[in-house]
């Protein structure tokens, strides 16, 4: 095992320092690059799933704007940790109204990550600060769900929606890291990482680094050992057992995923939802797929409300076991 793989978190070590180094998001990066070149930008709202580059884009924009002195004109806060109105009234207000440190741009940047976790009262207060101090400070808000941001804030921002990264973009980034770390990764391992990360580049890089602590030569089996997210072959095997009417066999596979792999109920449900459409129509009819997706949505809600992972997932397998293949 190479000791150097754990010295630095790879997500930070290989985070792009400039917008031109980012992968994917071709519909967003050119706009941000233009803002950096003109040294002028509105308030920004970045919305999208985790691991799609929202934080990286904010940091890269700051570096491109201010150069080496970017830290003097940039403040990053996480609304998950500081979500109440007092944070807005103190930390954010004091920063927004303080004088600019000078530099290439005449304004400072305040990056508020996970802004959708701010309370409604805090968001209302933030909106007023954005109005009063826009000359001295521009706000970049990042969120997973833009619907949780109040409309008065959205209307004051240029909204950019970050898409999940495509497999080619993700693999190209992973290959760059592998080359820099002098590792060997099989094609099957890349495929397993991409399937387990589901468009989340941060998760993919973390999984790659975890696998690299176990082996210099990373294979699909290495990823299977490291990933808590069920691999496609495991979930498909469980589904096919259930669809053949072998409920005990499917249940055994389920318990192995929970006990041996440490997979969560939410991860397994997402995997089933992801792989179900690709199952042959001869195995499960299109109409039954529709019915099962509707049922998965109900189970997902129950899990979010705190229901038992094992009991709810066994109910899914029971539902599958009672489903008859087309023409049966």
C-alpha atoms as a PDB file:
ATOM      1  CA  UNK A   1       0.000   0.000   0.000  1.00  0.00           C
ATOM      2  CA  UNK A   2       1.354   3.411  -0.936  1.00  0.00           C
ATOM      3  CA  UNK A   3       1.448   5.798   1.987  1.00  0.00           C
ATOM      4  CA  UNK A   4       1.295   8.859  -0.235  1.00  0.00           C
ATOM      5  CA  UNK A   5      -2.286   8.172  -1.320  1.00  0.00           C
ATOM      6  CA  UNK A   6      -3.661   9.278   2.031  1.00  0.00           C
ATOM      7  CA  UNK A   7      -1.423  12.330   2.548  1.00  0.00           C
ATOM      8  CA  UNK A   8      -3.833  14.698   0.803  1.00  0.00           C
ATOM      9  CA  UNK A   9      -7.514  14.435  -0.030  1.00  0.00           C
ATOM     10  CA  UNK A  10      -7.533  14.003  -3.798  1.00  0.00           C
ATOM     11  CA  UNK A  11     -10.736  15.998  -4.233  1.00  0.00           C
ATOM     12  CA  UNK A  12      -8.853  19.067  -2.997  1.00  0.00           C
ATOM     13  CA  UNK A  13      -5.462  18.150  -4.454  1.00  0.00           C
ATOM     14  CA  UNK A  14      -6.857  17.885  -7.983  1.00  0.00           C
ATOM     15  CA  UNK A  15      -9.567  20.549  -7.775  1.00  0.00           C
ATOM     16  CA  UNK A  16      -9.218  22.808 -10.864  1.00  0.00           C
ATOM     17  CA  UNK A  17      -7.711  26.204 -10.021  1.00  0.00           C
ATOM     18  CA  UNK A  18      -9.123  27.940 -13.086  1.00  0.00           C
ATOM     19  CA  UNK A  19     -12.419  27.794 -14.959  1.00  0.00           C
ATOM     20  CA  UNK A  20     -10.566  26.678 -18.093  1.00  0.00           C
ATOM     21  CA  UNK A  21      -9.488  23.493 -16.288  1.00  0.00           C
ATOM     22  CA  UNK A  22     -13.026  22.369 -15.404  1.00  0.00           C
ATOM     23  CA  UNK A  23     -14.588  19.372 -17.149  1.00  0.00           C
ATOM     24  CA  UNK A  24     -18.207  19.331 -18.266  1.00  0.00           C
ATOM     25  CA  UNK A  25     -20.719  22.157 -17.747  1.00  0.00           C
ATOM     26  CA  UNK A  26     -20.008  23.549 -21.222  1.00  0.00           C
ATOM     27  CA  UNK A  27     -23.143  25.692 -21.032  1.00  0.00           C
ATOM     28  CA  UNK A  28     -21.997  27.419 -17.825  1.00  0.00           C
ATOM     29  CA  UNK A  29     -18.207  27.772 -17.837  1.00  0.00           C
ATOM     30  CA  UNK A  30     -18.073  30.201 -20.832  1.00  0.00           C
ATOM     31  CA  UNK A  31     -20.428  32.623 -19.050  1.00  0.00           C
ATOM     32  CA  UNK A  32     -18.386  32.512 -15.837  1.00  0.00           C
ATOM     33  CA  UNK A  33     -15.174  32.955 -17.831  1.00  0.00           C
ATOM     34  CA  UNK A  34     -16.639  36.055 -19.477  1.00  0.00           C
ATOM     35  CA  UNK A  35     -17.535  37.460 -16.041  1.00  0.00           C
ATOM     36  CA  UNK A  36     -13.954  36.904 -14.865  1.00  0.00           C
ATOM     37  CA  UNK A  37     -12.466  38.557 -17.959  1.00  0.00           C
ATOM     38  CA  UNK A  38     -14.722  41.615 -17.685  1.00  0.00           C
ATOM     39  CA  UNK A  39     -14.250  41.827 -13.885  1.00  0.00           C
ATOM     40  CA  UNK A  40     -17.997  42.250 -13.537  1.00  0.00           C
ATOM     41  CA  UNK A  41     -20.754  39.873 -12.517  1.00  0.00           C
ATOM     42  CA  UNK A  42     -24.225  39.813 -10.944  1.00  0.00           C
ATOM     43  CA  UNK A  43     -25.192  37.791  -7.908  1.00  0.00           C
ATOM     44  CA  UNK A  44     -25.083  34.106  -8.902  1.00  0.00           C
ATOM     45  CA  UNK A  45     -27.132  31.069  -7.952  1.00  0.00           C
ATOM     46  CA  UNK A  46     -25.615  27.641  -8.656  1.00  0.00           C
ATOM     47  CA  UNK A  47     -28.142  24.793  -8.466  1.00  0.00           C
ATOM     48  CA  UNK A  48     -27.558  21.103  -9.034  1.00  0.00           C
ATOM     49  CA  UNK A  49     -26.771  17.720  -7.566  1.00  0.00           C
ATOM     50  CA  UNK A  50     -23.739  17.167  -5.304  1.00  0.00           C
ATOM     51  CA  UNK A  51     -20.417  16.644  -7.039  1.00  0.00           C
ATOM     52  CA  UNK A  52     -21.290  18.489 -10.250  1.00  0.00           C
ATOM     53  CA  UNK A  53     -18.776  21.323  -9.781  1.00  0.00           C
ATOM     54  CA  UNK A  54     -20.665  24.134  -8.012  1.00  0.00           C
ATOM     55  CA  UNK A  55     -18.042  24.761  -5.331  1.00  0.00           C
ATOM     56  CA  UNK A  56     -15.205  24.254  -7.803  1.00  0.00           C
ATOM     57  CA  UNK A  57     -16.756  26.830 -10.148  1.00  0.00           C
ATOM     58  CA  UNK A  58     -17.050  29.393  -7.344  1.00  0.00           C
ATOM     59  CA  UNK A  59     -13.436  28.902  -6.229  1.00  0.00           C
ATOM     60  CA  UNK A  60     -12.106  28.920  -9.799  1.00  0.00           C
ATOM     61  CA  UNK A  61     -14.080  32.093 -10.569  1.00  0.00           C
ATOM     62  CA  UNK A  62     -12.535  33.787  -7.523  1.00  0.00           C
ATOM     63  CA  UNK A  63      -9.017  32.772  -8.593  1.00  0.00           C
ATOM     64  CA  UNK A  64      -9.591  33.971 -12.149  1.00  0.00           C
ATOM     65  CA  UNK A  65     -10.992  37.270 -10.851  1.00  0.00           C
ATOM     66  CA  UNK A  66      -8.412  38.142  -8.220  1.00  0.00           C
ATOM     67  CA  UNK A  67      -5.336  36.088  -9.075  1.00  0.00           C
ATOM     68  CA  UNK A  68      -2.941  35.083  -6.304  1.00  0.00           C
ATOM     69  CA  UNK A  69      -4.628  37.407  -3.781  1.00  0.00           C
ATOM     70  CA  UNK A  70      -8.055  35.804  -4.200  1.00  0.00           C
ATOM     71  CA  UNK A  71      -8.348  34.756  -0.547  1.00  0.00           C
ATOM     72  CA  UNK A  72      -8.353  38.411   0.548  1.00  0.00           C
ATOM     73  CA  UNK A  73     -11.559  39.071  -1.394  1.00  0.00           C
ATOM     74  CA  UNK A  74     -13.395  35.771  -0.955  1.00  0.00           C
ATOM     75  CA  UNK A  75     -15.367  34.342   1.976  1.00  0.00           C
ATOM     76  CA  UNK A  76     -16.878  30.841   1.976  1.00  0.00           C
ATOM     77  CA  UNK A  77     -19.616  29.824   4.403  1.00  0.00           C
ATOM     78  CA  UNK A  78     -21.675  26.630   4.656  1.00  0.00           C
ATOM     79  CA  UNK A  79     -25.348  27.218   5.401  1.00  0.00           C
ATOM     80  CA  UNK A  80     -25.720  23.668   6.759  1.00  0.00           C
ATOM     81  CA  UNK A  81     -23.532  24.679   9.699  1.00  0.00           C
ATOM     82  CA  UNK A  82     -24.741  28.257  10.041  1.00  0.00           C
ATOM     83  CA  UNK A  83     -28.324  28.354   8.862  1.00  0.00           C
ATOM     84  CA  UNK A  84     -30.027  30.831  11.193  1.00  0.00           C
ATOM     85  CA  UNK A  85     -30.760  34.526  10.932  1.00  0.00           C
ATOM     86  CA  UNK A  86     -28.003  35.457  13.391  1.00  0.00           C
ATOM     87  CA  UNK A  87     -25.389  34.247  10.916  1.00  0.00           C
ATOM     88  CA  UNK A  88     -26.891  36.521   8.274  1.00  0.00           C
ATOM     89  CA  UNK A  89     -27.105  39.464  10.666  1.00  0.00           C
ATOM     90  CA  UNK A  90     -23.549  39.112  11.953  1.00  0.00           C
ATOM     91  CA  UNK A  91     -21.006  37.186   9.861  1.00  0.00           C
ATOM     92  CA  UNK A  92     -22.513  37.838   6.435  1.00  0.00           C
ATOM     93  CA  UNK A  93     -23.555  41.429   7.128  1.00  0.00           C
ATOM     94  CA  UNK A  94     -20.175  42.407   8.556  1.00  0.00           C
ATOM     95  CA  UNK A  95     -18.332  40.945   5.589  1.00  0.00           C
ATOM     96  CA  UNK A  96     -20.694  42.394   2.982  1.00  0.00           C
ATOM     97  CA  UNK A  97     -20.463  45.952   4.260  1.00  0.00           C
ATOM     98  CA  UNK A  98     -16.714  46.002   4.959  1.00  0.00           C
ATOM     99  CA  UNK A  99     -14.432  47.780   2.535  1.00  0.00           C
ATOM    100  CA  UNK A 100     -12.952  45.887  -0.396  1.00  0.00           C
ATOM    101  CA  UNK A 101      -9.336  44.773  -0.021  1.00  0.00           C
ATOM    102  CA  UNK A 102      -8.593  46.152  -3.465  1.00  0.00           C
ATOM    103  CA  UNK A 103      -7.347  44.126  -6.401  1.00  0.00           C
ATOM    104  CA  UNK A 104      -8.483  43.477  -9.943  1.00  0.00           C
ATOM    105  CA  UNK A 105     -12.206  43.773  -9.145  1.00  0.00           C
ATOM    106  CA  UNK A 106     -13.925  46.520  -7.168  1.00  0.00           C
ATOM    107  CA  UNK A 107     -16.057  44.085  -5.184  1.00  0.00           C
ATOM    108  CA  UNK A 108     -15.627  41.064  -2.915  1.00  0.00           C
ATOM    109  CA  UNK A 109     -17.220  37.632  -3.282  1.00  0.00           C
ATOM    110  CA  UNK A 110     -19.197  35.794  -0.642  1.00  0.00           C
ATOM    111  CA  UNK A 111     -19.865  32.134  -1.421  1.00  0.00           C
ATOM    112  CA  UNK A 112     -22.710  30.587   0.573  1.00  0.00           C
ATOM    113  CA  UNK A 113     -22.716  26.822   0.067  1.00  0.00           C
ATOM    114  CA  UNK A 114     -25.886  24.750   0.626  1.00  0.00           C
ATOM    115  CA  UNK A 115     -27.946  27.941   0.781  1.00  0.00           C
ATOM    116  CA  UNK A 116     -31.150  25.911   0.533  1.00  0.00           C
ATOM    117  CA  UNK A 117     -30.584  24.980   4.192  1.00  0.00           C
ATOM    118  CA  UNK A 118     -31.088  28.593   5.302  1.00  0.00           C
ATOM    119  CA  UNK A 119     -34.333  29.224   7.161  1.00  0.00           C
ATOM    120  CA  UNK A 120     -37.004  31.344   5.457  1.00  0.00           C
ATOM    121  CA  UNK A 121     -36.341  34.168   7.921  1.00  0.00           C
ATOM    122  CA  UNK A 122     -32.609  34.031   7.206  1.00  0.00           C
ATOM    123  CA  UNK A 123     -33.235  34.076   3.454  1.00  0.00           C
ATOM    124  CA  UNK A 124     -35.445  37.151   3.781  1.00  0.00           C
ATOM    125  CA  UNK A 125     -32.690  38.930   5.705  1.00  0.00           C
ATOM    126  CA  UNK A 126     -30.096  37.785   3.147  1.00  0.00           C
ATOM    127  CA  UNK A 127     -32.174  39.225   0.326  1.00  0.00           C
ATOM    128  CA  UNK A 128     -32.064  42.668   1.958  1.00  0.00           C
ATOM    129  CA  UNK A 129     -28.279  42.449   2.345  1.00  0.00           C
ATOM    130  CA  UNK A 130     -27.917  41.517  -1.319  1.00  0.00           C
ATOM    131  CA  UNK A 131     -29.832  44.668  -2.232  1.00  0.00           C
ATOM    132  CA  UNK A 132     -27.992  47.055   0.085  1.00  0.00           C
ATOM    133  CA  UNK A 133     -24.410  45.895  -0.432  1.00  0.00           C
ATOM    134  CA  UNK A 134     -24.339  44.790  -4.067  1.00  0.00           C
ATOM    135  CA  UNK A 135     -21.809  47.486  -4.993  1.00  0.00           C
ATOM    136  CA  UNK A 136     -19.198  46.199  -2.521  1.00  0.00           C
ATOM    137  CA  UNK A 137     -20.038  42.466  -2.426  1.00  0.00           C
ATOM    138  CA  UNK A 138     -21.407  39.948  -4.887  1.00  0.00           C
ATOM    139  CA  UNK A 139     -23.045  36.794  -3.583  1.00  0.00           C
ATOM    140  CA  UNK A 140     -22.690  33.291  -5.010  1.00  0.00           C
ATOM    141  CA  UNK A 141     -25.308  30.940  -3.584  1.00  0.00           C
ATOM    142  CA  UNK A 142     -25.022  27.190  -4.069  1.00  0.00           C
ATOM    143  CA  UNK A 143     -27.884  24.762  -3.530  1.00  0.00           C
ATOM    144  CA  UNK A 144     -29.086  21.285  -4.408  1.00  0.00           C
ATOM    145  CA  UNK A 145     -32.721  22.405  -4.773  1.00  0.00           C
ATOM    146  CA  UNK A 146     -33.386  25.871  -6.169  1.00  0.00           C
ATOM    147  CA  UNK A 147     -37.078  25.490  -5.256  1.00  0.00           C
ATOM    148  CA  UNK A 148     -36.048  25.932  -1.610  1.00  0.00           C
ATOM    149  CA  UNK A 149     -34.607  29.373  -2.345  1.00  0.00           C
ATOM    150  CA  UNK A 150     -37.194  32.133  -2.013  1.00  0.00           C
ATOM    151  CA  UNK A 151     -38.257  33.826  -5.244  1.00  0.00           C
ATOM    152  CA  UNK A 152     -37.006  37.332  -4.275  1.00  0.00           C
ATOM    153  CA  UNK A 153     -33.462  35.917  -4.041  1.00  0.00           C
ATOM    154  CA  UNK A 154     -33.748  33.927  -7.273  1.00  0.00           C
ATOM    155  CA  UNK A 155     -34.940  37.013  -9.144  1.00  0.00           C
ATOM    156  CA  UNK A 156     -31.817  38.896  -8.029  1.00  0.00           C
ATOM    157  CA  UNK A 157     -29.417  36.234  -9.296  1.00  0.00           C
ATOM    158  CA  UNK A 158     -28.224  34.837 -12.571  1.00  0.00           C
ATOM    159  CA  UNK A 159     -29.240  31.186 -12.153  1.00  0.00           C
ATOM    160  CA  UNK A 160     -26.990  28.410 -13.446  1.00  0.00           C
ATOM    161  CA  UNK A 161     -28.171  24.801 -13.270  1.00  0.00           C
ATOM    162  CA  UNK A 162     -25.327  22.298 -13.080  1.00  0.00           C
ATOM    163  CA  UNK A 163     -25.985  18.925 -14.724  1.00  0.00           C
ATOM    164  CA  UNK A 164     -24.600  15.593 -13.585  1.00  0.00           C
ATOM    165  CA  UNK A 165     -21.328  14.974 -15.384  1.00  0.00           C
ATOM    166  CA  UNK A 166     -21.303  12.527 -18.269  1.00  0.00           C
ATOM    167  CA  UNK A 167     -19.285   9.288 -18.071  1.00  0.00           C
ATOM    168  CA  UNK A 168     -16.708  10.483 -20.611  1.00  0.00           C
ATOM    169  CA  UNK A 169     -16.011  13.730 -18.734  1.00  0.00           C
ATOM    170  CA  UNK A 170     -15.742  11.893 -15.430  1.00  0.00           C
ATOM    171  CA  UNK A 171     -13.459   9.173 -16.754  1.00  0.00           C
ATOM    172  CA  UNK A 172     -11.203  11.732 -18.414  1.00  0.00           C
ATOM    173  CA  UNK A 173     -10.768  13.471 -15.057  1.00  0.00           C
ATOM    174  CA  UNK A 174     -10.156  10.186 -13.255  1.00  0.00           C
ATOM    175  CA  UNK A 175      -7.548   9.172 -15.833  1.00  0.00           C
ATOM    176  CA  UNK A 176      -5.706  12.459 -15.253  1.00  0.00           C
ATOM    177  CA  UNK A 177      -5.550  11.731 -11.524  1.00  0.00           C
ATOM    178  CA  UNK A 178      -4.476   8.110 -12.100  1.00  0.00           C
ATOM    179  CA  UNK A 179      -1.623   9.257 -14.335  1.00  0.00           C
ATOM    180  CA  UNK A 180      -0.495  11.864 -11.794  1.00  0.00           C
ATOM    181  CA  UNK A 181      -0.541   9.298  -8.970  1.00  0.00           C
ATOM    182  CA  UNK A 182       1.167   6.640 -11.119  1.00  0.00           C
ATOM    183  CA  UNK A 183      -1.581   4.035 -10.571  1.00  0.00           C
ATOM    184  CA  UNK A 184      -2.914   1.325 -12.847  1.00  0.00           C
ATOM    185  CA  UNK A 185      -6.693   1.081 -13.239  1.00  0.00           C
ATOM    186  CA  UNK A 186      -8.540  -1.511 -15.318  1.00  0.00           C
ATOM    187  CA  UNK A 187     -11.370  -0.550 -17.653  1.00  0.00           C
ATOM    188  CA  UNK A 188     -13.764  -2.571 -15.494  1.00  0.00           C
ATOM    189  CA  UNK A 189     -12.713  -0.562 -12.444  1.00  0.00           C
ATOM    190  CA  UNK A 190     -13.486   2.718 -14.214  1.00  0.00           C
ATOM    191  CA  UNK A 191     -16.904   1.379 -15.194  1.00  0.00           C
ATOM    192  CA  UNK A 192     -17.592   0.301 -11.602  1.00  0.00           C
ATOM    193  CA  UNK A 193     -16.548   3.699 -10.220  1.00  0.00           C
ATOM    194  CA  UNK A 194     -18.773   5.548 -12.694  1.00  0.00           C
ATOM    195  CA  UNK A 195     -21.744   3.303 -11.923  1.00  0.00           C
ATOM    196  CA  UNK A 196     -21.285   3.713  -8.168  1.00  0.00           C
ATOM    197  CA  UNK A 197     -20.855   7.500  -8.304  1.00  0.00           C
ATOM    198  CA  UNK A 198     -23.876   8.224 -10.539  1.00  0.00           C
ATOM    199  CA  UNK A 199     -22.595  11.486 -12.017  1.00  0.00           C
ATOM    200  CA  UNK A 200     -21.027  12.729  -8.751  1.00  0.00           C
ATOM    201  CA  UNK A 201     -17.374  13.455  -9.554  1.00  0.00           C
ATOM    202  CA  UNK A 202     -16.486  14.094  -5.917  1.00  0.00           C
ATOM    203  CA  UNK A 203     -17.777  10.654  -4.936  1.00  0.00           C
ATOM    204  CA  UNK A 204     -15.911   9.089  -7.856  1.00  0.00           C
ATOM    205  CA  UNK A 205     -12.591  10.677  -6.847  1.00  0.00           C
ATOM    206  CA  UNK A 206     -13.063   9.696  -3.198  1.00  0.00           C
ATOM    207  CA  UNK A 207     -13.789   6.103  -4.233  1.00  0.00           C
ATOM    208  CA  UNK A 208     -10.724   6.061  -6.486  1.00  0.00           C
ATOM    209  CA  UNK A 209      -8.515   7.295  -3.642  1.00  0.00           C
ATOM    210  CA  UNK A 210      -9.977   4.748  -1.228  1.00  0.00           C
ATOM    211  CA  UNK A 211      -9.271   1.948  -3.712  1.00  0.00           C
ATOM    212  CA  UNK A 212      -5.739   3.263  -4.227  1.00  0.00           C
ATOM    213  CA  UNK A 213      -4.977   2.785  -0.530  1.00  0.00           C
ATOM    214  CA  UNK A 214      -5.591  -0.947  -1.005  1.00  0.00           C
ATOM    215  CA  UNK A 215      -3.868  -1.650  -4.282  1.00  0.00           C
ATOM    216  CA  UNK A 216      -1.448  -0.209  -6.814  1.00  0.00           C
ATOM    217  CA  UNK A 217      -3.379  -2.058  -9.527  1.00  0.00           C
ATOM    218  CA  UNK A 218      -7.084  -1.237  -9.167  1.00  0.00           C
ATOM    219  CA  UNK A 219      -9.567  -3.721 -10.594  1.00  0.00           C
ATOM    220  CA  UNK A 220     -13.346  -4.050 -10.565  1.00  0.00           C
ATOM    221  CA  UNK A 221     -12.951  -6.383  -7.575  1.00  0.00           C
ATOM    222  CA  UNK A 222     -11.054  -3.649  -5.701  1.00  0.00           C
ATOM    223  CA  UNK A 223     -13.941  -1.227  -6.283  1.00  0.00           C
ATOM    224  CA  UNK A 224     -16.417  -3.875  -5.148  1.00  0.00           C
ATOM    225  CA  UNK A 225     -14.514  -4.121  -1.856  1.00  0.00           C
ATOM    226  CA  UNK A 226     -14.444  -0.362  -1.324  1.00  0.00           C
ATOM    227  CA  UNK A 227     -17.810   0.863  -2.573  1.00  0.00           C
ATOM    228  CA  UNK A 228     -20.720   1.003  -0.147  1.00  0.00           C
ATOM    229  CA  UNK A 229     -23.007   1.804  -3.082  1.00  0.00           C
ATOM    230  CA  UNK A 230     -24.218  -1.505  -4.574  1.00  0.00           C
ATOM    231  CA  UNK A 231     -22.650  -2.394  -7.900  1.00  0.00           C
ATOM    232  CA  UNK A 232     -24.852  -3.067 -10.902  1.00  0.00           C
ATOM    233  CA  UNK A 233     -24.143  -6.803 -10.948  1.00  0.00           C
ATOM    234  CA  UNK A 234     -25.164  -7.150  -7.290  1.00  0.00           C
ATOM    235  CA  UNK A 235     -28.434  -5.282  -7.697  1.00  0.00           C
ATOM    236  CA  UNK A 236     -29.303  -6.988 -10.983  1.00  0.00           C
ATOM    237  CA  UNK A 237     -28.676 -10.403  -9.386  1.00  0.00           C
ATOM    238  CA  UNK A 238     -31.016  -9.518  -6.529  1.00  0.00           C
ATOM    239  CA  UNK A 239     -33.704  -8.222  -8.887  1.00  0.00           C
ATOM    240  CA  UNK A 240     -33.538 -11.257 -11.185  1.00  0.00           C
ATOM    241  CA  UNK A 241     -33.811 -13.640  -8.218  1.00  0.00           C
ATOM    242  CA  UNK A 242     -36.936 -11.824  -7.052  1.00  0.00           C
ATOM    243  CA  UNK A 243     -38.452 -11.736 -10.543  1.00  0.00           C
ATOM    244  CA  UNK A 244     -37.932 -15.508 -10.859  1.00  0.00           C
ATOM    245  CA  UNK A 245     -40.045 -15.865  -7.736  1.00  0.00           C
ATOM    246  CA  UNK A 246     -37.031 -16.769  -5.591  1.00  0.00           C
ATOM    247  CA  UNK A 247     -37.844 -14.460  -2.691  1.00  0.00           C
ATOM    248  CA  UNK A 248     -35.540 -16.263  -0.183  1.00  0.00           C
ATOM    249  CA  UNK A 249     -32.595 -15.988  -2.587  1.00  0.00           C
ATOM    250  CA  UNK A 250     -33.277 -12.308  -3.284  1.00  0.00           C
ATOM    251  CA  UNK A 251     -33.624 -11.649   0.443  1.00  0.00           C
ATOM    252  CA  UNK A 252     -30.261 -13.317   1.113  1.00  0.00           C
ATOM    253  CA  UNK A 253     -28.634 -11.024  -1.454  1.00  0.00           C
ATOM    254  CA  UNK A 254     -30.327  -8.018   0.128  1.00  0.00           C
ATOM    255  CA  UNK A 255     -29.093  -8.874   3.615  1.00  0.00           C
ATOM    256  CA  UNK A 256     -25.563  -9.300   2.242  1.00  0.00           C
ATOM    257  CA  UNK A 257     -25.710  -5.801   0.764  1.00  0.00           C
ATOM    258  CA  UNK A 258     -26.859  -4.331   4.074  1.00  0.00           C
ATOM    259  CA  UNK A 259     -24.706  -6.365   6.465  1.00  0.00           C
ATOM    260  CA  UNK A 260     -21.549  -7.082   4.467  1.00  0.00           C
ATOM    261  CA  UNK A 261     -21.356  -4.009   2.247  1.00  0.00           C
ATOM    262  CA  UNK A 262     -22.947  -1.483   4.597  1.00  0.00           C
ATOM    263  CA  UNK A 263     -25.226  -0.206   1.834  1.00  0.00           C
ATOM    264  CA  UNK A 264     -28.017   2.103   2.981  1.00  0.00           C
ATOM    265  CA  UNK A 265     -31.659   1.654   2.078  1.00  0.00           C
ATOM    266  CA  UNK A 266     -31.581   4.866   0.036  1.00  0.00           C
ATOM    267  CA  UNK A 267     -28.564   3.651  -1.956  1.00  0.00           C
ATOM    268  CA  UNK A 268     -30.230   0.328  -2.754  1.00  0.00           C
ATOM    269  CA  UNK A 269     -33.499   1.998  -3.767  1.00  0.00           C
ATOM    270  CA  UNK A 270     -31.631   4.406  -6.070  1.00  0.00           C
ATOM    271  CA  UNK A 271     -29.727   1.492  -7.605  1.00  0.00           C
ATOM    272  CA  UNK A 272     -32.918  -0.480  -8.229  1.00  0.00           C
ATOM    273  CA  UNK A 273     -34.507   2.600  -9.782  1.00  0.00           C
ATOM    274  CA  UNK A 274     -31.450   3.114 -11.981  1.00  0.00           C
ATOM    275  CA  UNK A 275     -31.180  -0.471 -13.233  1.00  0.00           C
ATOM    276  CA  UNK A 276     -34.879  -1.385 -13.522  1.00  0.00           C
ATOM    277  CA  UNK A 277     -35.472   0.312 -16.926  1.00  0.00           C
ATOM    278  CA  UNK A 278     -32.593  -1.637 -18.519  1.00  0.00           C
ATOM    279  CA  UNK A 279     -34.005  -5.067 -17.599  1.00  0.00           C
ATOM    280  CA  UNK A 280     -35.317  -6.960 -20.667  1.00  0.00           C
ATOM    281  CA  UNK A 281     -39.048  -6.706 -21.385  1.00  0.00           C
ATOM    282  CA  UNK A 282     -39.138 -10.497 -21.406  1.00  0.00           C
ATOM    283  CA  UNK A 283     -38.126 -10.399 -17.734  1.00  0.00           C
ATOM    284  CA  UNK A 284     -40.516  -7.643 -16.659  1.00  0.00           C
ATOM    285  CA  UNK A 285     -43.049  -5.890 -18.862  1.00  0.00           C
ATOM    286  CA  UNK A 286     -42.944  -2.127 -19.493  1.00  0.00           C
ATOM    287  CA  UNK A 287     -46.267  -1.746 -17.653  1.00  0.00           C
ATOM    288  CA  UNK A 288     -44.913  -3.579 -14.603  1.00  0.00           C
ATOM    289  CA  UNK A 289     -41.810  -1.379 -14.698  1.00  0.00           C
ATOM    290  CA  UNK A 290     -44.056   1.678 -14.480  1.00  0.00           C
ATOM    291  CA  UNK A 291     -45.972   0.206 -11.551  1.00  0.00           C
ATOM    292  CA  UNK A 292     -42.762  -0.696  -9.737  1.00  0.00           C
ATOM    293  CA  UNK A 293     -41.250   2.761 -10.219  1.00  0.00           C
ATOM    294  CA  UNK A 294     -44.387   4.190  -8.644  1.00  0.00           C
ATOM    295  CA  UNK A 295     -43.975   1.741  -5.746  1.00  0.00           C
ATOM    296  CA  UNK A 296     -40.290   2.630  -5.356  1.00  0.00           C
ATOM    297  CA  UNK A 297     -41.284   6.272  -4.963  1.00  0.00           C
ATOM    298  CA  UNK A 298     -43.596   5.281  -2.110  1.00  0.00           C
ATOM    299  CA  UNK A 299     -40.845   3.220  -0.443  1.00  0.00           C
ATOM    300  CA  UNK A 300     -38.353   6.065  -0.857  1.00  0.00           C
ATOM    301  CA  UNK A 301     -40.772   8.379   0.966  1.00  0.00           C
ATOM    302  CA  UNK A 302     -41.219   5.859   3.775  1.00  0.00           C
ATOM    303  CA  UNK A 303     -37.448   5.570   4.206  1.00  0.00           C
ATOM    304  CA  UNK A 304     -37.155   9.368   4.342  1.00  0.00           C
ATOM    305  CA  UNK A 305     -39.726   9.319   7.150  1.00  0.00           C
ATOM    306  CA  UNK A 306     -37.586   6.884   9.160  1.00  0.00           C
ATOM    307  CA  UNK A 307     -39.073   3.502   8.265  1.00  0.00           C
ATOM    308  CA  UNK A 308     -36.965   0.329   8.612  1.00  0.00           C
ATOM    309  CA  UNK A 309     -34.559  -0.130   5.675  1.00  0.00           C
ATOM    310  CA  UNK A 310     -34.690  -3.905   5.829  1.00  0.00           C
ATOM    311  CA  UNK A 311     -38.466  -4.213   6.101  1.00  0.00           C
ATOM    312  CA  UNK A 312     -39.177  -1.723   3.315  1.00  0.00           C
ATOM    313  CA  UNK A 313     -36.646  -3.294   0.946  1.00  0.00           C
ATOM    314  CA  UNK A 314     -38.001  -6.770   1.632  1.00  0.00           C
ATOM    315  CA  UNK A 315     -41.402  -5.359   0.672  1.00  0.00           C
ATOM    316  CA  UNK A 316     -39.901  -4.259  -2.663  1.00  0.00           C
ATOM    317  CA  UNK A 317     -38.526  -7.752  -3.273  1.00  0.00           C
ATOM    318  CA  UNK A 318     -41.885  -9.283  -2.357  1.00  0.00           C
ATOM    319  CA  UNK A 319     -43.551  -6.990  -4.867  1.00  0.00           C
ATOM    320  CA  UNK A 320     -41.057  -8.073  -7.522  1.00  0.00           C
ATOM    321  CA  UNK A 321     -41.503 -11.760  -6.671  1.00  0.00           C
ATOM    322  CA  UNK A 322     -45.245 -11.396  -7.226  1.00  0.00           C
ATOM    323  CA  UNK A 323     -44.680  -9.771 -10.620  1.00  0.00           C
ATOM    324  CA  UNK A 324     -45.028 -12.177 -13.526  1.00  0.00           C
ATOM    325  CA  UNK A 325     -42.762 -11.927 -16.590  1.00  0.00           C
ATOM    326  CA  UNK A 326     -44.340 -10.893 -19.907  1.00  0.00           C
ATOM    327  CA  UNK A 327     -46.287 -13.753 -21.456  1.00  0.00           C
ATOM    328  CA  UNK A 328     -46.233 -15.823 -18.256  1.00  0.00           C
END
